[in-house]
Amino acid sequence: MAGNKSYTIVEYFGGDSGYRCGYCKNDEGNFSHGMWSHTMTVQDYQDLIDRGWRRSGKYVYKPTLNKTCCPQYTIRCHATKFQPSKSHKKVLKKISKFISKGEMPKDQDNGEPMDAVCDQAGPREPSKACHSEVKCAAITDIQKELPECPAITEGQKEVVDAAPAVSETSRKDRVSVSDERTTATATKPGIGADPARPPCRKAKDLRKERRLQKDQIRQNADGVRLVRANPPSPQFKASFDASYQVYKLYQMAIHKDPPDKPSESQVRLVPVNFEDPQFAASYQQSVALYARYQMAIHGDDLSACSESEFRRFLCDSPLESFTMVLTNEHVPSCVFPLVASAQAEHSPDGPEEGYGSFHQQYWLDDRIVAVGVIDILPTCVSSVYLYYHPDFASLSLGSYSALRLVSHAPQISETFPKEIAFTRQLQKQSPKLCYYYLGFYIHSCPKMRYKGQYRPSDLVCPETYAWVPIEQCVPMLDNSRYARFNQDPDAGDPRVLKDVGRALVLYRRAVMPYAAYSRKRKGSSDEAEVQQYGGLVGQDCIERILLYRT
């Protein structure tokens, strides 16, 4: 056993009891196995999701497909081969029109769930309750901002102001050139404005423009300054706001742009780490946006979308920047004390961003309008959840976020010019990283079938864990909710459990094989449970993952 090695540490909870299904609303029809992950390497999580596991915060669960009411099959899309369908191109066109002209679609398309990559029916941690009903009784700072629900109160207005909005009222609060938009003065009755003359402007706007011009002349003796834009120089950063204001005035005066047209759009990938400046600076805005989304889109109560719930669900992750390192210095190779030290997980052929959990923030002007929570793993980008501002629901942001992760369509780069299709970008840096995991495909739930539209896609066979093209799987699922996709009768699980005694156990701060643990306990009655756990995670995983025992 190596002297220094990163380990995954889990507590297994079994999965014998049924709980409420978030899809068909069956009170006791949903079954799954679950375990709490204290820490997890990205490779171990990659291997687990390839066997049908998914995470909700630090809780990792695997639906019992041959028993549960709505079987949930892991689905992946080949990002490098993806081609958008007509409906996907329609979504891209809507986004492009909004960014370029500020036009919102008149009618919302309700044919597809807006939370395109979230899974609403996973279980809660050890209590085995339905994930779609995960509620937090504690009411935190969000409640202080939202004292009453669902009525719109002054407190709710604070959260509304904290989240992005397209209304005129919220835009007036911004420090932007929206405040300096051109307005026509009232004309005399029956006469009207002279179309041959430029529109009248407020004296305040004219004074600001003259003051800006004087400041620029004062700062530049010759009236011209050449500044580097990429990478941005200090002079470029210092004058960015002033340049932006001139640009806005120019666009409105010369090109007749509407004042409310979005002028700056970008996507920021920030690690889920409170020590990261961008994540910390945008945290409260993300919390407020999440609360507004959950109440407006999912009809959640205030207590269900508190800051603590947001943090537990979308910030807590076992895939942290630091992994647990075990050392066996001066002790036997099979039994050694647990020593924690911070060591960054690194791969020489990995992406520049690194592996782990991230928030992909979609910004318009100075506000976040949507956040996609993703995990970057050795061979895939895995979507965890998406939330967005309800005022932008008609833009199909759920579908758009998924398209951004897999597509190379030109509309993507036109909409957010600083970014390219994300998974393809990562694949150039790390050739193995070429799949996009959309979570679970649920054929028995019609509104969740849209994930099958991202082609080419595969579903994982629940018995052999082989990937099978979805075109071959759908006819089987039309006949039965549960199906073995691999049609080779001789095929089996290549990682089938062979020797439970080799499972690693963490017991009293010491790591040992399960066989040694059984001898120490003398009469331990948990072998059946460990056998069940080993069959679910596979032989290779039980020899790497530490199963915590008390």
Protein backbone atom coordinates (compact mmCIF):
# COMPACT_ATOMS: atom_id res chain seq x y z
CA MET A 1 0.00 0.00 0.00
CA ALA A 2 1.44 3.35 -0.98
CA GLY A 3 2.83 5.64 1.66
CA ASN A 4 0.87 8.67 0.42
CA LYS A 5 -2.41 8.27 -1.37
CA SER A 6 -5.72 10.07 -1.77
CA TYR A 7 -8.77 8.25 -0.48
CA THR A 8 -12.55 8.46 -0.64
CA ILE A 9 -14.33 8.04 2.71
CA VAL A 10 -18.01 7.04 2.78
CA GLU A 11 -20.70 5.82 5.18
CA TYR A 12 -23.18 3.38 3.62
CA PHE A 13 -26.87 3.58 4.60
CA GLY A 14 -28.45 0.77 2.59
CA GLY A 15 -31.74 1.18 0.75
CA ASP A 16 -34.53 -1.11 1.88
CA SER A 17 -37.27 1.45 2.60
CA GLY A 18 -39.35 3.23 -0.01
CA TYR A 19 -39.94 6.98 -0.03
CA ARG A 20 -41.98 9.50 -1.97
CA CYS A 21 -41.24 9.81 -5.69
CA GLY A 22 -40.79 13.33 -7.03
CA TYR A 23 -41.95 12.29 -10.51
CA CYS A 24 -45.13 10.19 -10.15
CA LYS A 25 -45.79 11.31 -6.52
CA ASN A 26 -46.03 7.71 -5.28
CA ASP A 27 -45.66 7.97 -1.50
CA GLU A 28 -43.51 4.84 -1.06
CA GLY A 29 -42.57 3.82 -4.59
CA ASN A 30 -39.08 5.27 -4.88
CA PHE A 31 -36.18 3.05 -3.80
CA SER A 32 -32.47 3.79 -3.79
CA HIS A 33 -29.25 3.00 -1.97
CA GLY A 34 -27.31 5.86 -0.42
CA MET A 35 -24.09 6.79 1.29
CA TRP A 36 -22.64 9.92 2.81
CA SER A 37 -19.31 10.96 1.32
CA HIS A 38 -16.98 12.83 3.66
CA THR A 39 -14.48 13.26 0.85
CA MET A 40 -14.21 11.74 -2.61
CA THR A 41 -11.64 11.70 -5.40
CA VAL A 42 -12.85 12.69 -8.84
CA GLN A 43 -11.82 9.31 -10.27
CA ASP A 44 -13.88 7.43 -7.69
CA TYR A 45 -16.91 9.59 -8.44
CA GLN A 46 -16.39 9.08 -12.17
CA ASP A 47 -16.43 5.31 -11.62
CA LEU A 48 -19.52 5.55 -9.42
CA ILE A 49 -21.63 7.62 -11.83
CA ASP A 50 -20.68 5.13 -14.56
CA ARG A 51 -22.45 2.57 -12.35
CA GLY A 52 -25.60 4.67 -11.90
CA TRP A 53 -24.74 6.75 -8.82
CA ARG A 54 -25.40 10.51 -8.51
CA ARG A 55 -24.69 13.07 -5.81
CA SER A 56 -26.90 15.62 -4.05
CA GLY A 57 -24.51 17.75 -2.05
CA LYS A 58 -22.35 15.21 -0.22
CA TYR A 59 -25.01 12.50 -0.33
CA VAL A 60 -24.43 9.95 -3.10
CA TYR A 61 -27.32 7.69 -4.14
CA LYS A 62 -28.11 4.94 -6.65
CA PRO A 63 -31.75 4.22 -7.63
CA THR A 64 -32.84 0.59 -7.39
CA LEU A 65 -34.00 0.40 -10.99
CA ASN A 66 -35.73 -2.97 -10.92
CA LYS A 67 -37.76 -1.92 -7.89
CA THR A 68 -38.39 1.82 -8.03
CA CYS A 69 -41.56 3.27 -9.57
CA CYS A 70 -39.75 5.59 -12.01
CA PRO A 71 -36.44 4.01 -13.09
CA GLN A 72 -33.68 6.57 -13.58
CA TYR A 73 -30.99 5.64 -16.09
CA THR A 74 -27.69 7.49 -16.30
CA ILE A 75 -27.40 9.29 -19.65
CA ARG A 76 -24.36 10.74 -21.36
CA CYS A 77 -23.98 12.71 -24.59
CA HIS A 78 -20.99 12.51 -26.94
CA ALA A 79 -20.05 16.19 -26.86
CA THR A 80 -17.53 15.98 -29.69
CA LYS A 81 -20.14 14.46 -32.04
CA PHE A 82 -23.19 16.46 -30.94
CA GLN A 83 -25.31 18.23 -33.56
CA PRO A 84 -28.15 20.53 -32.42
CA SER A 85 -31.69 19.67 -33.51
CA LYS A 86 -34.21 22.16 -34.88
CA SER A 87 -35.60 22.80 -31.41
CA HIS A 88 -32.08 23.39 -30.09
CA LYS A 89 -31.39 25.88 -32.88
CA LYS A 90 -34.63 27.64 -31.99
CA VAL A 91 -33.40 28.09 -28.42
CA LEU A 92 -30.09 29.47 -29.63
CA LYS A 93 -31.92 31.89 -31.92
CA LYS A 94 -34.06 33.16 -29.03
CA ILE A 95 -30.99 33.82 -26.90
CA SER A 96 -29.14 35.50 -29.77
CA LYS A 97 -32.09 37.78 -30.54
CA PHE A 98 -32.39 38.78 -26.90
CA ILE A 99 -28.69 39.61 -26.59
CA SER A 100 -28.49 41.50 -29.88
CA LYS A 101 -31.84 43.32 -29.83
CA GLY A 102 -33.15 43.02 -26.28
CA GLU A 103 -36.27 41.20 -27.50
CA MET A 104 -37.91 38.72 -25.10
CA PRO A 105 -40.07 35.90 -26.56
CA LYS A 106 -43.76 36.74 -26.17
CA ASP A 107 -44.86 33.23 -25.21
CA GLN A 108 -43.04 30.88 -22.88
CA ASP A 109 -42.36 27.44 -24.30
CA ASN A 110 -43.60 25.02 -21.65
CA GLY A 111 -42.80 21.92 -23.68
CA GLU A 112 -39.57 21.30 -21.76
CA PRO A 113 -38.67 21.78 -18.09
CA MET A 114 -36.59 24.87 -17.63
CA ASP A 115 -34.33 23.15 -15.11
CA ALA A 116 -33.02 21.11 -17.99
CA VAL A 117 -30.28 19.25 -16.20
CA CYS A 118 -31.52 18.94 -12.63
CA ASP A 119 -32.88 15.80 -11.02
CA GLN A 120 -35.73 16.49 -8.67
CA ALA A 121 -36.43 13.03 -7.29
CA GLY A 122 -33.22 11.94 -5.63
CA PRO A 123 -33.27 10.98 -1.95
CA ARG A 124 -32.22 13.03 1.01
CA GLU A 125 -29.08 12.02 2.92
CA PRO A 126 -29.33 9.34 5.63
CA SER A 127 -33.06 9.84 6.24
CA LYS A 128 -33.82 8.37 2.80
CA ALA A 129 -36.49 11.00 2.16
CA CYS A 130 -37.36 12.25 -1.33
CA HIS A 131 -34.82 14.73 -2.69
CA SER A 132 -37.51 16.78 -4.35
CA GLU A 133 -38.88 17.47 -0.88
CA VAL A 134 -35.61 18.25 0.84
CA LYS A 135 -36.62 20.99 3.23
CA CYS A 136 -34.58 22.80 5.84
CA ALA A 137 -36.49 23.79 8.98
CA ALA A 138 -33.98 26.45 9.94
CA ILE A 139 -34.76 29.85 8.46
CA THR A 140 -31.65 31.88 7.82
CA ASP A 141 -30.79 35.27 6.41
CA ILE A 142 -33.07 34.74 3.42
CA GLN A 143 -36.09 34.76 5.70
CA LYS A 144 -35.03 38.10 7.08
CA GLU A 145 -35.16 39.42 3.53
CA LEU A 146 -38.42 37.58 2.76
CA PRO A 147 -40.63 37.81 5.86
CA GLU A 148 -43.82 36.64 4.13
CA CYS A 149 -44.54 34.16 1.35
CA PRO A 150 -46.10 33.96 -1.17
CA ALA A 151 -47.36 37.54 -0.92
CA ILE A 152 -44.94 40.09 -2.36
CA THR A 153 -43.64 42.08 0.58
CA GLU A 154 -40.97 44.67 1.08
CA GLY A 155 -38.59 41.89 2.14
CA GLN A 156 -39.19 40.05 -1.09
CA LYS A 157 -38.43 43.20 -3.00
CA GLU A 158 -34.98 43.14 -1.43
CA VAL A 159 -34.37 39.69 -2.83
CA VAL A 160 -35.81 40.78 -6.16
CA ASP A 161 -33.38 43.67 -6.22
CA ALA A 162 -30.55 41.34 -5.27
CA ALA A 163 -31.36 39.08 -8.21
CA PRO A 164 -31.27 40.08 -11.87
CA ALA A 165 -34.37 41.62 -13.34
CA VAL A 166 -35.38 43.08 -16.64
CA SER A 167 -37.94 45.49 -15.26
CA GLU A 168 -37.46 49.21 -15.58
CA THR A 169 -37.54 49.71 -11.81
CA SER A 170 -34.58 47.42 -11.14
CA ARG A 171 -32.58 48.88 -13.97
CA LYS A 172 -32.95 52.39 -12.53
CA ASP A 173 -31.04 51.20 -9.45
CA ARG A 174 -28.02 50.19 -11.48
CA VAL A 175 -24.97 52.39 -11.82
CA SER A 176 -24.97 52.25 -15.58
CA VAL A 177 -25.68 54.31 -18.60
CA SER A 178 -29.29 53.21 -18.37
CA ASP A 179 -29.67 56.25 -16.13
CA GLU A 180 -28.29 58.39 -18.91
CA ARG A 181 -30.63 57.27 -21.65
CA THR A 182 -31.91 59.90 -24.04
CA THR A 183 -35.43 61.13 -23.43
CA ALA A 184 -37.56 63.47 -25.45
CA THR A 185 -39.10 66.49 -23.79
CA ALA A 186 -42.83 67.03 -23.89
CA THR A 187 -44.05 68.66 -27.08
CA LYS A 188 -46.76 71.21 -27.52
CA PRO A 189 -50.21 69.76 -28.23
CA GLY A 190 -50.87 69.34 -31.93
CA ILE A 191 -47.33 70.15 -33.04
CA GLY A 192 -45.08 67.16 -32.18
CA ALA A 193 -41.31 66.83 -32.40
CA ASP A 194 -39.44 67.94 -35.50
CA PRO A 195 -38.08 64.70 -37.02
CA ALA A 196 -35.32 66.66 -38.76
CA ARG A 197 -33.82 67.73 -35.45
CA PRO A 198 -32.02 65.52 -32.90
CA PRO A 199 -34.10 64.55 -29.87
CA CYS A 200 -33.92 66.78 -26.83
CA ARG A 201 -31.77 65.60 -23.94
CA LYS A 202 -31.82 66.25 -20.23
CA ALA A 203 -29.45 68.93 -19.03
CA LYS A 204 -28.10 66.46 -16.45
CA ASP A 205 -27.10 64.04 -19.20
CA LEU A 206 -25.39 66.78 -21.18
CA ARG A 207 -23.45 67.94 -18.11
CA LYS A 208 -22.28 64.38 -17.40
CA GLU A 209 -21.13 63.93 -20.99
CA ARG A 210 -19.22 67.22 -20.98
CA ARG A 211 -17.63 66.38 -17.63
CA LEU A 212 -16.58 62.99 -18.97
CA GLN A 213 -15.01 64.58 -22.03
CA LYS A 214 -13.13 67.12 -19.89
CA ASP A 215 -11.82 64.37 -17.60
CA GLN A 216 -10.54 62.39 -20.54
CA ILE A 217 -8.84 65.44 -22.05
CA ARG A 218 -7.34 66.33 -18.67
CA GLN A 219 -5.91 62.82 -18.22
CA ASN A 220 -4.40 62.76 -21.70
CA ALA A 221 -2.29 65.71 -22.69
CA ASP A 222 -2.43 64.75 -26.35
CA GLY A 223 -6.07 63.64 -26.14
CA VAL A 224 -5.30 60.02 -27.18
CA ARG A 225 -4.21 57.08 -25.08
CA LEU A 226 -3.41 53.59 -26.38
CA VAL A 227 -4.28 50.94 -23.76
CA ARG A 228 -3.91 47.17 -23.98
CA ALA A 229 -7.27 45.36 -23.89
CA ASN A 230 -6.10 41.74 -23.80
CA PRO A 231 -4.69 40.98 -21.36
CA PRO A 232 -6.22 44.10 -19.81
CA SER A 233 -3.75 46.68 -18.61
CA PRO A 234 -4.31 48.76 -15.44
CA GLN A 235 -5.21 51.77 -17.61
CA PHE A 236 -7.79 49.69 -19.49
CA LYS A 237 -9.38 48.51 -16.23
CA ALA A 238 -9.41 52.02 -14.78
CA SER A 239 -11.16 53.49 -17.83
CA PHE A 240 -13.49 50.57 -18.53
CA ASP A 241 -16.61 52.13 -16.97
CA ALA A 242 -16.09 55.42 -18.79
CA SER A 243 -15.56 53.62 -22.10
CA TYR A 244 -18.65 51.55 -21.50
CA GLN A 245 -20.75 54.69 -20.92
CA VAL A 246 -19.52 56.24 -24.17
CA TYR A 247 -20.33 52.99 -25.98
CA LYS A 248 -23.87 52.94 -24.59
CA LEU A 249 -24.49 56.56 -25.61
CA TYR A 250 -23.10 55.88 -29.07
CA GLN A 251 -25.25 52.77 -29.59
CA MET A 252 -28.44 54.58 -28.53
CA ALA A 253 -27.76 57.76 -30.50
CA ILE A 254 -26.32 56.33 -33.72
CA HIS A 255 -27.73 52.80 -33.94
CA LYS A 256 -30.99 53.51 -32.08
CA ASP A 257 -30.45 50.69 -29.59
CA PRO A 258 -33.18 50.48 -26.92
CA PRO A 259 -31.99 51.53 -23.44
CA ASP A 260 -32.83 48.11 -21.97
CA LYS A 261 -30.82 46.12 -24.49
CA PRO A 262 -28.25 43.92 -22.67
CA SER A 263 -24.86 45.35 -23.47
CA GLU A 264 -22.47 43.00 -21.70
CA SER A 265 -22.83 39.23 -21.45
CA GLN A 266 -20.39 36.63 -20.25
CA VAL A 267 -20.08 33.24 -18.61
CA ARG A 268 -17.85 32.87 -15.57
CA LEU A 269 -16.65 29.51 -14.27
CA VAL A 270 -15.93 29.81 -10.56
CA PRO A 271 -14.84 26.98 -8.25
CA VAL A 272 -17.14 26.22 -5.33
CA ASN A 273 -14.69 27.56 -2.80
CA PHE A 274 -15.31 30.41 -0.36
CA GLU A 275 -11.64 31.33 -0.60
CA ASP A 276 -12.12 32.11 -4.28
CA PRO A 277 -12.69 35.91 -4.64
CA GLN A 278 -15.24 35.62 -7.48
CA PHE A 279 -17.26 32.93 -5.72
CA ALA A 280 -17.29 34.85 -2.43
CA ALA A 281 -18.18 38.16 -4.10
CA SER A 282 -21.17 36.67 -5.95
CA TYR A 283 -22.34 34.31 -3.19
CA GLN A 284 -25.18 36.41 -1.74
CA GLN A 285 -26.49 37.24 -5.21
CA SER A 286 -26.49 33.52 -6.04
CA VAL A 287 -28.38 32.71 -2.83
CA ALA A 288 -31.05 35.31 -3.58
CA LEU A 289 -31.38 34.09 -7.17
CA TYR A 290 -31.76 30.47 -5.98
CA ALA A 291 -34.47 31.47 -3.49
CA ARG A 292 -36.41 33.38 -6.11
CA TYR A 293 -36.14 30.52 -8.60
CA GLN A 294 -37.26 27.83 -6.14
CA MET A 295 -40.31 29.80 -5.01
CA ALA A 296 -41.38 30.97 -8.47
CA ILE A 297 -40.65 27.85 -10.53
CA HIS A 298 -41.03 24.99 -8.05
CA GLY A 299 -43.45 26.62 -5.61
CA ASP A 300 -41.19 25.96 -2.62
CA ASP A 301 -41.84 27.44 0.79
CA LEU A 302 -39.40 29.97 2.17
CA SER A 303 -37.86 27.46 4.59
CA ALA A 304 -36.95 25.16 1.68
CA CYS A 305 -34.77 27.75 -0.04
CA SER A 306 -32.85 29.24 2.86
CA GLU A 307 -29.15 29.97 2.68
CA SER A 308 -28.32 26.82 4.63
CA GLU A 309 -30.31 24.71 2.16
CA PHE A 310 -28.59 26.41 -0.78
CA ARG A 311 -25.21 25.76 0.76
CA ARG A 312 -25.99 22.12 1.60
CA PHE A 313 -27.45 21.35 -1.81
CA LEU A 314 -25.34 23.36 -4.25
CA CYS A 315 -22.14 24.35 -2.44
CA ASP A 316 -21.24 21.35 -0.28
CA SER A 317 -19.41 18.81 -2.38
CA PRO A 318 -17.24 15.80 -1.58
CA LEU A 319 -15.10 16.78 -4.61
CA GLU A 320 -13.20 19.45 -2.74
CA SER A 321 -9.95 21.16 -3.63
CA PHE A 322 -8.20 19.11 -0.99
CA THR A 323 -8.24 15.35 -0.56
CA MET A 324 -7.56 13.23 2.48
CA VAL A 325 -4.05 11.82 2.48
CA LEU A 326 -3.27 8.71 4.50
CA THR A 327 0.28 7.99 5.60
CA ASN A 328 1.67 4.73 6.90
CA GLU A 329 5.03 5.89 8.14
CA HIS A 330 6.58 3.55 10.73
CA VAL A 331 3.46 1.36 10.97
CA PRO A 332 2.42 -1.95 9.36
CA SER A 333 1.24 -1.72 5.75
CA CYS A 334 -2.29 -3.01 6.42
CA VAL A 335 -3.04 -0.96 9.55
CA PHE A 336 -2.01 2.68 9.83
CA PRO A 337 -3.35 5.84 11.51
CA LEU A 338 -5.38 8.37 9.60
CA VAL A 339 -3.44 11.57 9.04
CA ALA A 340 -5.16 14.47 7.29
CA SER A 341 -3.18 16.88 5.17
CA ALA A 342 -4.08 19.26 2.39
CA GLN A 343 -2.89 18.11 -1.00
CA ALA A 344 -4.33 19.36 -4.25
CA GLU A 345 -5.50 16.64 -6.62
CA HIS A 346 -3.54 17.14 -9.81
CA SER A 347 -3.36 15.46 -13.18
CA PRO A 348 -0.76 16.49 -15.77
CA ASP A 349 -3.18 15.83 -18.63
CA GLY A 350 -6.19 17.40 -16.90
CA PRO A 351 -7.97 20.66 -17.80
CA GLU A 352 -6.52 24.02 -16.82
CA GLU A 353 -9.51 24.70 -14.55
CA GLY A 354 -8.76 21.53 -12.59
CA TYR A 355 -11.24 18.90 -11.49
CA GLY A 356 -14.02 19.33 -8.93
CA SER A 357 -17.28 21.25 -8.46
CA PHE A 358 -17.95 24.60 -10.12
CA HIS A 359 -20.67 27.22 -10.57
CA GLN A 360 -21.03 28.36 -14.17
CA GLN A 361 -22.51 31.86 -13.84
CA TYR A 362 -24.36 33.54 -16.70
CA TRP A 363 -24.09 37.34 -16.42
CA LEU A 364 -26.00 40.07 -18.22
CA ASP A 365 -24.62 43.51 -17.52
CA ASP A 366 -23.86 43.47 -13.78
CA ARG A 367 -26.33 40.75 -12.72
CA ILE A 368 -26.36 36.96 -12.63
CA VAL A 369 -29.32 35.60 -14.59
CA ALA A 370 -28.58 31.87 -14.30
CA VAL A 371 -26.19 29.47 -12.58
CA GLY A 372 -25.33 25.97 -13.71
CA VAL A 373 -23.77 23.75 -11.04
CA ILE A 374 -21.39 21.25 -12.65
CA ASP A 375 -18.71 18.71 -11.76
CA ILE A 376 -15.61 18.42 -13.94
CA LEU A 377 -14.43 14.80 -13.86
CA PRO A 378 -11.70 12.84 -15.69
CA THR A 379 -13.89 11.87 -18.68
CA CYS A 380 -16.93 14.15 -18.47
CA VAL A 381 -18.68 17.31 -17.39
CA SER A 382 -21.57 16.27 -15.14
CA SER A 383 -24.52 18.61 -14.57
CA VAL A 384 -25.81 18.83 -11.01
CA TYR A 385 -28.45 21.60 -11.08
CA LEU A 386 -29.50 24.78 -12.85
CA TYR A 387 -31.40 27.78 -11.50
CA TYR A 388 -32.23 31.08 -13.16
CA HIS A 389 -34.17 34.30 -12.80
CA PRO A 390 -37.89 33.64 -13.43
CA ASP A 391 -38.21 36.76 -15.60
CA PHE A 392 -36.03 34.97 -18.17
CA ALA A 393 -38.03 31.72 -18.19
CA SER A 394 -39.18 32.24 -21.78
CA LEU A 395 -35.56 32.08 -22.97
CA SER A 396 -35.33 28.32 -22.21
CA LEU A 397 -32.17 28.81 -20.18
CA GLY A 398 -32.18 25.16 -19.10
CA SER A 399 -31.82 24.00 -22.68
CA TYR A 400 -29.38 26.78 -23.47
CA SER A 401 -27.07 25.85 -20.58
CA ALA A 402 -26.96 22.24 -21.78
CA LEU A 403 -26.24 23.37 -25.34
CA ARG A 404 -23.40 25.54 -24.14
CA LEU A 405 -21.81 22.48 -22.56
CA VAL A 406 -21.95 20.30 -25.68
CA SER A 407 -22.48 22.39 -28.81
CA HIS A 408 -20.09 24.14 -31.14
CA ALA A 409 -22.90 25.97 -32.94
CA PRO A 410 -21.88 29.49 -34.01
CA GLN A 411 -24.79 31.05 -32.10
CA ILE A 412 -23.08 30.02 -28.85
CA SER A 413 -19.97 32.10 -29.48
CA GLU A 414 -22.05 34.95 -30.87
CA THR A 415 -24.13 35.08 -27.72
CA PHE A 416 -21.31 34.88 -25.21
CA PRO A 417 -18.24 35.73 -27.30
CA LYS A 418 -15.67 35.15 -24.56
CA GLU A 419 -16.62 31.48 -24.22
CA ILE A 420 -16.82 28.50 -26.53
CA ALA A 421 -18.72 25.27 -26.01
CA PHE A 422 -17.42 24.18 -22.65
CA THR A 423 -16.96 20.44 -22.93
CA ARG A 424 -15.29 20.77 -26.32
CA GLN A 425 -12.97 23.36 -24.86
CA LEU A 426 -11.99 21.02 -22.03
CA GLN A 427 -11.58 18.12 -24.45
CA LYS A 428 -8.89 20.04 -26.31
CA GLN A 429 -6.95 20.29 -23.05
CA SER A 430 -7.75 16.78 -21.81
CA PRO A 431 -8.53 14.31 -24.66
CA LYS A 432 -10.27 11.83 -22.34
CA LEU A 433 -12.81 14.46 -21.26
CA CYS A 434 -15.31 14.14 -24.09
CA TYR A 435 -18.74 13.38 -22.54
CA TYR A 436 -21.51 15.47 -21.09
CA TYR A 437 -23.61 13.74 -18.40
CA LEU A 438 -27.16 15.10 -18.15
CA GLY A 439 -28.06 13.23 -14.97
CA PHE A 440 -30.87 10.67 -15.22
CA TYR A 441 -33.08 9.79 -18.17
CA ILE A 442 -36.59 8.82 -16.98
CA HIS A 443 -38.58 7.32 -19.82
CA SER A 444 -41.67 6.71 -17.65
CA CYS A 445 -41.89 10.47 -16.98
CA PRO A 446 -42.77 12.18 -20.32
CA LYS A 447 -41.48 15.61 -19.32
CA MET A 448 -38.04 14.11 -18.59
CA ARG A 449 -37.65 12.45 -22.00
CA TYR A 450 -36.24 15.64 -23.51
CA LYS A 451 -32.75 14.58 -22.41
CA GLY A 452 -32.88 11.90 -25.08
CA GLN A 453 -32.95 14.67 -27.71
CA TYR A 454 -29.27 15.41 -27.14
CA ARG A 455 -27.79 13.00 -29.69
CA PRO A 456 -25.72 10.93 -29.91
CA SER A 457 -26.39 9.71 -26.38
CA ASP A 458 -26.00 6.46 -24.44
CA LEU A 459 -27.76 4.92 -21.45
CA VAL A 460 -25.90 2.68 -19.03
CA CYS A 461 -27.16 -0.91 -18.73
CA PRO A 462 -28.32 -1.50 -15.14
CA GLU A 463 -26.91 -5.06 -15.09
CA THR A 464 -23.69 -5.03 -17.11
CA TYR A 465 -22.91 -1.28 -16.82
CA ALA A 466 -22.13 -1.16 -20.53
CA TRP A 467 -23.09 1.96 -22.50
CA VAL A 468 -25.80 1.38 -25.11
CA PRO A 469 -27.01 3.91 -27.74
CA ILE A 470 -30.32 5.40 -26.66
CA GLU A 471 -31.94 4.51 -29.99
CA GLN A 472 -31.61 0.85 -29.01
CA CYS A 473 -32.89 1.44 -25.48
CA VAL A 474 -36.08 3.40 -26.17
CA PRO A 475 -38.03 0.49 -27.78
CA MET A 476 -37.29 -1.66 -24.71
CA LEU A 477 -38.44 1.10 -22.36
CA ASP A 478 -41.64 1.52 -24.39
CA ASN A 479 -42.49 -2.07 -23.41
CA SER A 480 -41.22 -2.06 -19.83
CA ARG A 481 -40.13 0.54 -17.29
CA TYR A 482 -37.14 -1.60 -16.36
CA ALA A 483 -34.92 -3.10 -19.05
CA ARG A 484 -31.54 -4.72 -19.45
CA PHE A 485 -30.07 -2.85 -22.41
CA ASN A 486 -27.16 -5.17 -23.12
CA GLN A 487 -28.64 -7.94 -25.25
CA ASP A 488 -25.66 -10.26 -24.91
CA PRO A 489 -26.95 -12.98 -22.52
CA ASP A 490 -23.40 -13.97 -21.56
CA ALA A 491 -22.32 -10.42 -20.65
CA GLY A 492 -21.97 -9.56 -16.99
CA ASP A 493 -20.59 -6.90 -14.69
CA PRO A 494 -16.81 -6.69 -15.35
CA ARG A 495 -16.34 -5.21 -11.87
CA VAL A 496 -18.51 -7.72 -10.06
CA LEU A 497 -17.74 -8.24 -6.38
CA LYS A 498 -15.38 -11.19 -5.96
CA ASP A 499 -13.79 -10.85 -2.53
CA VAL A 500 -15.49 -8.73 0.11
CA GLY A 501 -12.57 -9.36 2.44
CA ARG A 502 -10.46 -6.98 0.34
CA ALA A 503 -12.82 -4.05 0.95
CA LEU A 504 -11.04 -1.24 2.77
CA VAL A 505 -12.55 -0.21 6.11
CA LEU A 506 -11.83 2.85 8.23
CA TYR A 507 -12.24 1.78 11.85
CA ARG A 508 -11.07 3.77 14.89
CA ARG A 509 -8.85 6.00 12.74
CA ALA A 510 -7.13 2.98 11.23
CA VAL A 511 -7.46 1.59 7.70
CA MET A 512 -7.62 -2.17 7.22
CA PRO A 513 -9.13 -4.80 4.91
CA TYR A 514 -12.61 -5.96 5.85
CA ALA A 515 -11.22 -9.40 6.68
CA ALA A 516 -8.97 -7.88 9.36
CA TYR A 517 -11.84 -5.71 10.60
CA SER A 518 -14.07 -8.81 11.01
CA ARG A 519 -11.41 -10.53 13.10
CA LYS A 520 -11.09 -7.48 15.32
CA ARG A 521 -14.83 -7.21 15.86
CA LYS A 522 -15.25 -10.96 16.58
CA GLY A 523 -18.83 -11.63 15.62
CA SER A 524 -19.58 -8.58 13.52
CA SER A 525 -22.98 -9.00 11.85
CA ASP A 526 -22.57 -6.48 9.03
CA GLU A 527 -21.18 -8.80 6.34
CA ALA A 528 -24.47 -8.85 4.40
CA GLU A 529 -24.53 -5.05 4.34
CA VAL A 530 -20.91 -4.82 3.20
CA GLN A 531 -21.64 -7.44 0.53
CA GLN A 532 -24.53 -5.30 -0.71
CA TYR A 533 -22.36 -2.19 -0.71
CA GLY A 534 -19.56 -3.99 -2.58
CA GLY A 535 -21.93 -5.25 -5.25
CA LEU A 536 -23.17 -1.72 -5.90
CA VAL A 537 -19.81 0.04 -6.15
CA GLY A 538 -17.78 -2.80 -7.71
CA GLN A 539 -14.68 -4.75 -6.74
CA ASP A 540 -12.13 -2.16 -7.86
CA CYS A 541 -13.89 0.62 -5.93
CA ILE A 542 -14.13 -1.29 -2.64
CA GLU A 543 -10.35 -1.73 -2.79
CA ARG A 544 -9.90 2.07 -3.03
CA ILE A 545 -12.84 3.60 -1.15
CA LEU A 546 -12.73 3.62 2.65
CA LEU A 547 -15.95 2.36 4.22
CA TYR A 548 -16.34 4.07 7.59
CA ARG A 549 -17.38 1.75 10.42
CA THR A 550 -18.05 2.54 14.06
